[in-house]
Amino acid sequence: QRFAAQMTLLCSIPGIGRKTAGMLLLFAGGFTHFDN
């Protein structure tokens, strides 16, 4: 619900599933705080 667009984008990568996509978004905070 919170990261709907990012979850669909991450799940489009072959090799990354729903759980890993969710963990990546939690870990990186939606990738908003990083420049590279």
All heavy atoms as atom14 arrays in JSON, in Angstrom:
{
  "sequence": "QRFAAQMTLLCSIPGIGRKTAGMLLLFAGGFTHFDN",
  "atom14_mask": [
    [1, 1, 1, 1, 1, 1, 1, 1, 1, 0, 0, 0, 0, 0],
    [1, 1, 1, 1, 1, 1, 1, 1, 1, 1, 1, 0, 0, 0],
    [1, 1, 1, 1, 1, 1, 1, 1, 1, 1, 1, 0, 0, 0],
    [1, 1, 1, 1, 1, 0, 0, 0, 0, 0, 0, 0, 0, 0],
    [1, 1, 1, 1, 1, 0, 0, 0, 0, 0, 0, 0, 0, 0],
    [1, 1, 1, 1, 1, 1, 1, 1, 1, 0, 0, 0, 0, 0],
    [1, 1, 1, 1, 1, 1, 1, 1, 0, 0, 0, 0, 0, 0],
    [1, 1, 1, 1, 1, 1, 1, 0, 0, 0, 0, 0, 0, 0],
    [1, 1, 1, 1, 1, 1, 1, 1, 0, 0, 0, 0, 0, 0],
    [1, 1, 1, 1, 1, 1, 1, 1, 0, 0, 0, 0, 0, 0],
    [1, 1, 1, 1, 1, 1, 0, 0, 0, 0, 0, 0, 0, 0],
    [1, 1, 1, 1, 1, 1, 0, 0, 0, 0, 0, 0, 0, 0],
    [1, 1, 1, 1, 1, 1, 1, 1, 0, 0, 0, 0, 0, 0],
    [1, 1, 1, 1, 1, 1, 1, 0, 0, 0, 0, 0, 0, 0],
    [1, 1, 1, 1, 0, 0, 0, 0, 0, 0, 0, 0, 0, 0],
    [1, 1, 1, 1, 1, 1, 1, 1, 0, 0, 0, 0, 0, 0],
    [1, 1, 1, 1, 0, 0, 0, 0, 0, 0, 0, 0, 0, 0],
    [1, 1, 1, 1, 1, 1, 1, 1, 1, 1, 1, 0, 0, 0],
    [1, 1, 1, 1, 1, 1, 1, 1, 1, 0, 0, 0, 0, 0],
    [1, 1, 1, 1, 1, 1, 1, 0, 0, 0, 0, 0, 0, 0],
    [1, 1, 1, 1, 1, 0, 0, 0, 0, 0, 0, 0, 0, 0],
    [1, 1, 1, 1, 0, 0, 0, 0, 0, 0, 0, 0, 0, 0],
    [1, 1, 1, 1, 1, 1, 1, 1, 0, 0, 0, 0, 0, 0],
    [1, 1, 1, 1, 1, 1, 1, 1, 0, 0, 0, 0, 0, 0],
    [1, 1, 1, 1, 1, 1, 1, 1, 0, 0, 0, 0, 0, 0],
    [1, 1, 1, 1, 1, 1, 1, 1, 0, 0, 0, 0, 0, 0],
    [1, 1, 1, 1, 1, 1, 1, 1, 1, 1, 1, 0, 0, 0],
    [1, 1, 1, 1, 1, 0, 0, 0, 0, 0, 0, 0, 0, 0],
    [1, 1, 1, 1, 0, 0, 0, 0, 0, 0, 0, 0, 0, 0],
    [1, 1, 1, 1, 0, 0, 0, 0, 0, 0, 0, 0, 0, 0],
    [1, 1, 1, 1, 1, 1, 1, 1, 1, 1, 1, 0, 0, 0],
    [1, 1, 1, 1, 1, 1, 1, 0, 0, 0, 0, 0, 0, 0],
    [1, 1, 1, 1, 1, 1, 1, 1, 1, 1, 0, 0, 0, 0],
    [1, 1, 1, 1, 1, 1, 1, 1, 1, 1, 1, 0, 0, 0],
    [1, 1, 1, 1, 1, 1, 1, 1, 0, 0, 0, 0, 0, 0],
    [1, 1, 1, 1, 1, 1, 1, 1, 0, 0, 0, 0, 0, 0]
  ],
  "atom14_positions": [
    [[0.83, -1.2, 0.0], [0.0, 0.0, 0.0], [0.87, 1.26, 0.0], [0.63, 2.19, -0.76], [-0.9, 0.03, 1.24], [-2.06, -0.92, 1.18], [-2.86, -0.9, 2.48], [-2.52, -0.19, 3.44], [-3.92, -1.68, 2.53], [0.0, 0.0, 0.0], [0.0, 0.0, 0.0], [0.0, 0.0, 0.0], [0.0, 0.0, 0.0], [0.0, 0.0, 0.0]],
    [[1.86, 1.27, 0.86], [2.7, 2.47, 1.03], [3.62, 2.71, -0.17], [3.76, 3.83, -0.63], [3.53, 2.31, 2.31], [4.63, 3.31, 2.52], [4.09, 4.69, 2.85], [5.12, 5.61, 3.21], [5.8, 6.35, 2.35], [5.57, 6.27, 1.08], [6.72, 7.19, 2.78], [0.0, 0.0, 0.0], [0.0, 0.0, 0.0], [0.0, 0.0, 0.0]],
    [[4.27, 1.66, -0.65], [5.23, 1.77, -1.75], [4.72, 1.0, -2.97], [5.43, 0.17, -3.53], [6.59, 1.19, -1.35], [7.28, 1.9, -0.23], [7.37, 1.31, 1.03], [7.84, 3.14, -0.42], [8.02, 1.96, 2.06], [8.49, 3.8, 0.62], [8.59, 3.2, 1.86], [0.0, 0.0, 0.0], [0.0, 0.0, 0.0], [0.0, 0.0, 0.0]],
    [[3.49, 1.26, -3.4], [2.88, 0.48, -4.48], [3.69, 0.58, -5.78], [4.02, -0.44, -6.4], [1.45, 0.93, -4.72], [0.0, 0.0, 0.0], [0.0, 0.0, 0.0], [0.0, 0.0, 0.0], [0.0, 0.0, 0.0], [0.0, 0.0, 0.0], [0.0, 0.0, 0.0], [0.0, 0.0, 0.0], [0.0, 0.0, 0.0], [0.0, 0.0, 0.0]],
    [[4.05, 1.79, -6.18], [4.77, 1.97, -7.44], [6.17, 1.35, -7.37], [6.59, 0.64, -8.3], [4.87, 3.45, -7.77], [0.0, 0.0, 0.0], [0.0, 0.0, 0.0], [0.0, 0.0, 0.0], [0.0, 0.0, 0.0], [0.0, 0.0, 0.0], [0.0, 0.0, 0.0], [0.0, 0.0, 0.0], [0.0, 0.0, 0.0], [0.0, 0.0, 0.0]],
    [[6.87, 1.59, -6.25], [8.22, 1.05, -6.12], [8.22, -0.47, -6.05], [9.13, -1.12, -6.57], [8.92, 1.62, -4.88], [9.26, 3.08, -4.98], [8.21, 3.96, -4.35], [7.05, 3.59, -4.26], [8.59, 5.15, -3.93], [0.0, 0.0, 0.0], [0.0, 0.0, 0.0], [0.0, 0.0, 0.0], [0.0, 0.0, 0.0], [0.0, 0.0, 0.0]],
    [[7.21, -1.05, -5.4], [7.13, -2.52, -5.3], [6.97, -3.15, -6.68], [7.63, -4.14, -6.99], [5.97, -2.94, -4.4], [6.23, -2.81, -2.93], [7.38, -4.0, -2.25], [6.36, -5.44, -2.17], [0.0, 0.0, 0.0], [0.0, 0.0, 0.0], [0.0, 0.0, 0.0], [0.0, 0.0, 0.0], [0.0, 0.0, 0.0], [0.0, 0.0, 0.0]],
    [[6.11, -2.57, -7.52], [5.92, -3.14, -8.86], [7.18, -2.97, -9.69], [7.54, -3.85, -10.48], [4.72, -2.5, -9.58], [4.89, -1.09, -9.59], [3.42, -2.86, -8.9], [0.0, 0.0, 0.0], [0.0, 0.0, 0.0], [0.0, 0.0, 0.0], [0.0, 0.0, 0.0], [0.0, 0.0, 0.0], [0.0, 0.0, 0.0], [0.0, 0.0, 0.0]],
    [[7.87, -1.83, -9.52], [9.12, -1.63, -10.25], [10.18, -2.63, -9.83], [10.86, -3.23, -10.68], [9.64, -0.2, -10.03], [8.88, 0.93, -10.7], [9.39, 2.27, -10.22], [8.99, 0.83, -12.21], [0.0, 0.0, 0.0], [0.0, 0.0, 0.0], [0.0, 0.0, 0.0], [0.0, 0.0, 0.0], [0.0, 0.0, 0.0], [0.0, 0.0, 0.0]],
    [[10.34, -2.83, -8.52], [11.36, -3.77, -8.04], [11.02, -5.21, -8.39], [11.92, -6.01, -8.69], [11.54, -3.62, -6.53], [12.29, -2.39, -6.07], [12.3, -2.31, -4.55], [13.7, -2.37, -6.6], [0.0, 0.0, 0.0], [0.0, 0.0, 0.0], [0.0, 0.0, 0.0], [0.0, 0.0, 0.0], [0.0, 0.0, 0.0], [0.0, 0.0, 0.0]],
    [[9.75, -5.56, -8.37], [9.36, -6.93, -8.72], [9.52, -7.21, -10.2], [9.47, -8.37, -10.62], [7.93, -7.2, -8.27], [7.77, -7.35, -6.48], [0.0, 0.0, 0.0], [0.0, 0.0, 0.0], [0.0, 0.0, 0.0], [0.0, 0.0, 0.0], [0.0, 0.0, 0.0], [0.0, 0.0, 0.0], [0.0, 0.0, 0.0], [0.0, 0.0, 0.0]],
    [[9.71, -6.16, -11.02], [9.94, -6.38, -12.44], [11.35, -6.88, -12.73], [11.62, -7.39, -13.8], [9.67, -5.09, -13.23], [10.69, -4.13, -12.99], [0.0, 0.0, 0.0], [0.0, 0.0, 0.0], [0.0, 0.0, 0.0], [0.0, 0.0, 0.0], [0.0, 0.0, 0.0], [0.0, 0.0, 0.0], [0.0, 0.0, 0.0], [0.0, 0.0, 0.0]],
    [[12.25, -6.74, -11.76], [13.63, -7.22, -11.92], [13.64, -8.73, -11.74], [13.21, -9.23, -10.71], [14.57, -6.57, -10.89], [14.56, -5.06, -11.0], [16.0, -7.09, -11.04], [15.3, -4.35, -9.89], [0.0, 0.0, 0.0], [0.0, 0.0, 0.0], [0.0, 0.0, 0.0], [0.0, 0.0, 0.0], [0.0, 0.0, 0.0], [0.0, 0.0, 0.0]],
    [[14.15, -9.49, -12.74], [14.23, -10.94, -12.57], [15.2, -11.29, -11.45], [16.33, -10.82, -11.43], [14.77, -11.44, -13.91], [14.54, -10.33, -14.87], [14.54, -9.06, -14.08], [0.0, 0.0, 0.0], [0.0, 0.0, 0.0], [0.0, 0.0, 0.0], [0.0, 0.0, 0.0], [0.0, 0.0, 0.0], [0.0, 0.0, 0.0], [0.0, 0.0, 0.0]],
    [[14.73, -12.07, -10.5], [15.57, -12.47, -9.38], [15.15, -11.81, -8.07], [15.57, -12.24, -7.0], [0.0, 0.0, 0.0], [0.0, 0.0, 0.0], [0.0, 0.0, 0.0], [0.0, 0.0, 0.0], [0.0, 0.0, 0.0], [0.0, 0.0, 0.0], [0.0, 0.0, 0.0], [0.0, 0.0, 0.0], [0.0, 0.0, 0.0], [0.0, 0.0, 0.0]],
    [[14.32, -10.78, -8.13], [13.85, -10.11, -6.92], [12.35, -10.36, -6.79], [11.59, -10.04, -7.7], [14.15, -8.6, -6.95], [15.65, -8.37, -6.88], [13.46, -7.89, -5.81], [16.08, -6.93, -6.82], [0.0, 0.0, 0.0], [0.0, 0.0, 0.0], [0.0, 0.0, 0.0], [0.0, 0.0, 0.0], [0.0, 0.0, 0.0], [0.0, 0.0, 0.0]],
    [[11.97, -10.92, -5.64], [10.57, -11.22, -5.38], [9.93, -10.17, -4.49], [10.53, -9.15, -4.16], [0.0, 0.0, 0.0], [0.0, 0.0, 0.0], [0.0, 0.0, 0.0], [0.0, 0.0, 0.0], [0.0, 0.0, 0.0], [0.0, 0.0, 0.0], [0.0, 0.0, 0.0], [0.0, 0.0, 0.0], [0.0, 0.0, 0.0], [0.0, 0.0, 0.0]],
    [[8.7, -10.45, -4.08], [7.94, -9.49, -3.28], [8.59, -9.25, -1.93], [8.69, -8.1, -1.47], [6.51, -9.99, -3.08], [5.66, -9.9, -4.32], [4.26, -10.46, -4.14], [3.59, -9.88, -3.0], [2.85, -10.58, -2.14], [2.71, -11.87, -2.29], [2.26, -9.99, -1.13], [0.0, 0.0, 0.0], [0.0, 0.0, 0.0], [0.0, 0.0, 0.0]],
    [[9.03, -10.31, -1.27], [9.62, -10.14, 0.07], [10.92, -9.36, 0.0], [11.17, -8.47, 0.82], [9.87, -11.5, 0.72], [8.63, -12.16, 1.24], [8.98, -13.42, 1.99], [7.74, -14.08, 2.55], [8.05, -15.32, 3.26], [0.0, 0.0, 0.0], [0.0, 0.0, 0.0], [0.0, 0.0, 0.0], [0.0, 0.0, 0.0], [0.0, 0.0, 0.0]],
    [[11.75, -9.68, -0.96], [13.02, -8.97, -1.07], [12.79, -7.52, -1.48], [13.47, -6.62, -0.98], [13.94, -9.66, -2.09], [14.06, -11.03, -1.74], [15.31, -9.03, -2.11], [0.0, 0.0, 0.0], [0.0, 0.0, 0.0], [0.0, 0.0, 0.0], [0.0, 0.0, 0.0], [0.0, 0.0, 0.0], [0.0, 0.0, 0.0], [0.0, 0.0, 0.0]],
    [[11.83, -7.29, -2.36], [11.51, -5.92, -2.76], [11.04, -5.12, -1.54], [11.45, -3.97, -1.34], [10.44, -5.92, -3.84], [0.0, 0.0, 0.0], [0.0, 0.0, 0.0], [0.0, 0.0, 0.0], [0.0, 0.0, 0.0], [0.0, 0.0, 0.0], [0.0, 0.0, 0.0], [0.0, 0.0, 0.0], [0.0, 0.0, 0.0], [0.0, 0.0, 0.0]],
    [[10.21, -5.73, -0.71], [9.75, -5.06, 0.5], [10.89, -4.78, 1.46], [10.98, -3.69, 2.04], [0.0, 0.0, 0.0], [0.0, 0.0, 0.0], [0.0, 0.0, 0.0], [0.0, 0.0, 0.0], [0.0, 0.0, 0.0], [0.0, 0.0, 0.0], [0.0, 0.0, 0.0], [0.0, 0.0, 0.0], [0.0, 0.0, 0.0], [0.0, 0.0, 0.0]],
    [[11.78, -5.75, 1.62], [12.93, -5.55, 2.51], [13.86, -4.46, 1.99], [14.4, -3.67, 2.76], [13.7, -6.85, 2.69], [12.98, -7.83, 3.59], [13.99, -9.25, 3.97], [15.1, -8.55, 5.16], [0.0, 0.0, 0.0], [0.0, 0.0, 0.0], [0.0, 0.0, 0.0], [0.0, 0.0, 0.0], [0.0, 0.0, 0.0], [0.0, 0.0, 0.0]],
    [[14.05, -4.42, 0.66], [14.89, -3.37, 0.07], [14.29, -1.99, 0.33], [15.02, -1.04, 0.67], [15.04, -3.58, -1.43], [16.16, -4.47, -1.9], [16.05, -4.73, -3.39], [17.5, -3.87, -1.58], [0.0, 0.0, 0.0], [0.0, 0.0, 0.0], [0.0, 0.0, 0.0], [0.0, 0.0, 0.0], [0.0, 0.0, 0.0], [0.0, 0.0, 0.0]],
    [[12.98, -1.88, 0.17], [12.34, -0.58, 0.38], [12.4, -0.16, 1.85], [12.62, 1.01, 2.15], [10.9, -0.63, -0.11], [10.76, -0.66, -1.63], [9.33, -0.94, -2.03], [11.25, 0.64, -2.24], [0.0, 0.0, 0.0], [0.0, 0.0, 0.0], [0.0, 0.0, 0.0], [0.0, 0.0, 0.0], [0.0, 0.0, 0.0], [0.0, 0.0, 0.0]],
    [[12.24, -1.11, 2.75], [12.37, -0.79, 4.18], [13.8, -0.43, 4.53], [14.06, 0.53, 5.25], [11.92, -1.97, 5.03], [10.43, -2.17, 5.19], [10.16, -3.42, 6.01], [9.79, -0.97, 5.85], [0.0, 0.0, 0.0], [0.0, 0.0, 0.0], [0.0, 0.0, 0.0], [0.0, 0.0, 0.0], [0.0, 0.0, 0.0], [0.0, 0.0, 0.0]],
    [[14.73, -1.2, 4.01], [16.15, -1.0, 4.3], [16.64, 0.35, 3.78], [17.32, 1.08, 4.49], [16.96, -2.14, 3.67], [18.44, -1.96, 3.75], [19.11, -2.15, 4.94], [19.16, -1.61, 2.63], [20.48, -1.98, 5.02], [20.52, -1.44, 2.7], [21.18, -1.63, 3.9], [0.0, 0.0, 0.0], [0.0, 0.0, 0.0], [0.0, 0.0, 0.0]],
    [[16.27, 0.67, 2.55], [16.78, 1.89, 1.92], [15.83, 3.07, 2.07], [16.13, 4.15, 1.56], [17.03, 1.62, 0.44], [0.0, 0.0, 0.0], [0.0, 0.0, 0.0], [0.0, 0.0, 0.0], [0.0, 0.0, 0.0], [0.0, 0.0, 0.0], [0.0, 0.0, 0.0], [0.0, 0.0, 0.0], [0.0, 0.0, 0.0], [0.0, 0.0, 0.0]],
    [[14.72, 2.88, 2.74], [13.79, 3.98, 2.92], [13.2, 4.48, 1.61], [13.0, 5.68, 1.43], [0.0, 0.0, 0.0], [0.0, 0.0, 0.0], [0.0, 0.0, 0.0], [0.0, 0.0, 0.0], [0.0, 0.0, 0.0], [0.0, 0.0, 0.0], [0.0, 0.0, 0.0], [0.0, 0.0, 0.0], [0.0, 0.0, 0.0], [0.0, 0.0, 0.0]],
    [[12.93, 3.56, 0.71], [12.36, 3.94, -0.59], [13.38, 4.56, -1.53], [13.01, 5.17, -2.53], [0.0, 0.0, 0.0], [0.0, 0.0, 0.0], [0.0, 0.0, 0.0], [0.0, 0.0, 0.0], [0.0, 0.0, 0.0], [0.0, 0.0, 0.0], [0.0, 0.0, 0.0], [0.0, 0.0, 0.0], [0.0, 0.0, 0.0], [0.0, 0.0, 0.0]],
    [[14.67, 4.46, -1.21], [15.77, 5.0, -2.0], [15.69, 6.52, -2.14], [16.23, 7.09, -3.08], [15.81, 4.35, -3.4], [16.11, 2.89, -3.39], [15.08, 1.96, -3.5], [17.4, 2.42, -3.25], [15.34, 0.61, -3.49], [17.67, 1.07, -3.24], [16.64, 0.16, -3.35], [0.0, 0.0, 0.0], [0.0, 0.0, 0.0], [0.0, 0.0, 0.0]],
    [[15.03, 7.19, -1.21], [14.88, 8.64, -1.31], [16.06, 9.41, -0.73], [16.3, 10.55, -1.11], [13.6, 9.1, -0.6], [13.64, 8.63, 0.75], [12.37, 8.56, -1.29], [0.0, 0.0, 0.0], [0.0, 0.0, 0.0], [0.0, 0.0, 0.0], [0.0, 0.0, 0.0], [0.0, 0.0, 0.0], [0.0, 0.0, 0.0], [0.0, 0.0, 0.0]],
    [[16.82, 8.8, 0.18], [17.89, 9.51, 0.87], [19.26, 9.32, 0.23], [20.26, 9.75, 0.79], [17.98, 9.07, 2.33], [16.67, 9.19, 3.06], [16.01, 10.38, 3.21], [15.9, 8.26, 3.66], [14.9, 10.18, 3.88], [14.8, 8.9, 4.16], [0.0, 0.0, 0.0], [0.0, 0.0, 0.0], [0.0, 0.0, 0.0], [0.0, 0.0, 0.0]],
    [[19.3, 8.67, -0.92], [20.59, 8.34, -1.53], [20.77, 9.09, -2.85], [19.83, 9.25, -3.62], [20.7, 6.84, -1.79], [20.6, 6.02, -0.54], [19.45, 5.32, -0.24], [21.65, 5.97, 0.36], [19.35, 4.57, 0.91], [21.56, 5.23, 1.52], [20.4, 4.53, 1.79], [0.0, 0.0, 0.0], [0.0, 0.0, 0.0], [0.0, 0.0, 0.0]],
    [[22.0, 9.53, -3.09], [22.32, 10.23, -4.33], [22.8, 9.27, -5.41], [22.55, 9.5, -6.6], [23.41, 11.28, -4.09], [22.95, 12.35, -3.12], [21.74, 12.68, -3.12], [23.79, 12.86, -2.35], [0.0, 0.0, 0.0], [0.0, 0.0, 0.0], [0.0, 0.0, 0.0], [0.0, 0.0, 0.0], [0.0, 0.0, 0.0], [0.0, 0.0, 0.0]],
    [[23.52, 8.22, -5.03], [23.99, 7.25, -6.01], [23.98, 5.84, -5.43], [23.8, 5.66, -4.23], [25.39, 7.61, -6.54], [26.43, 7.68, -5.46], [26.35, 7.0, -4.45], [27.43, 8.52, -5.66], [0.0, 0.0, 0.0], [0.0, 0.0, 0.0], [0.0, 0.0, 0.0], [0.0, 0.0, 0.0], [0.0, 0.0, 0.0], [0.0, 0.0, 0.0]]
  ]
}
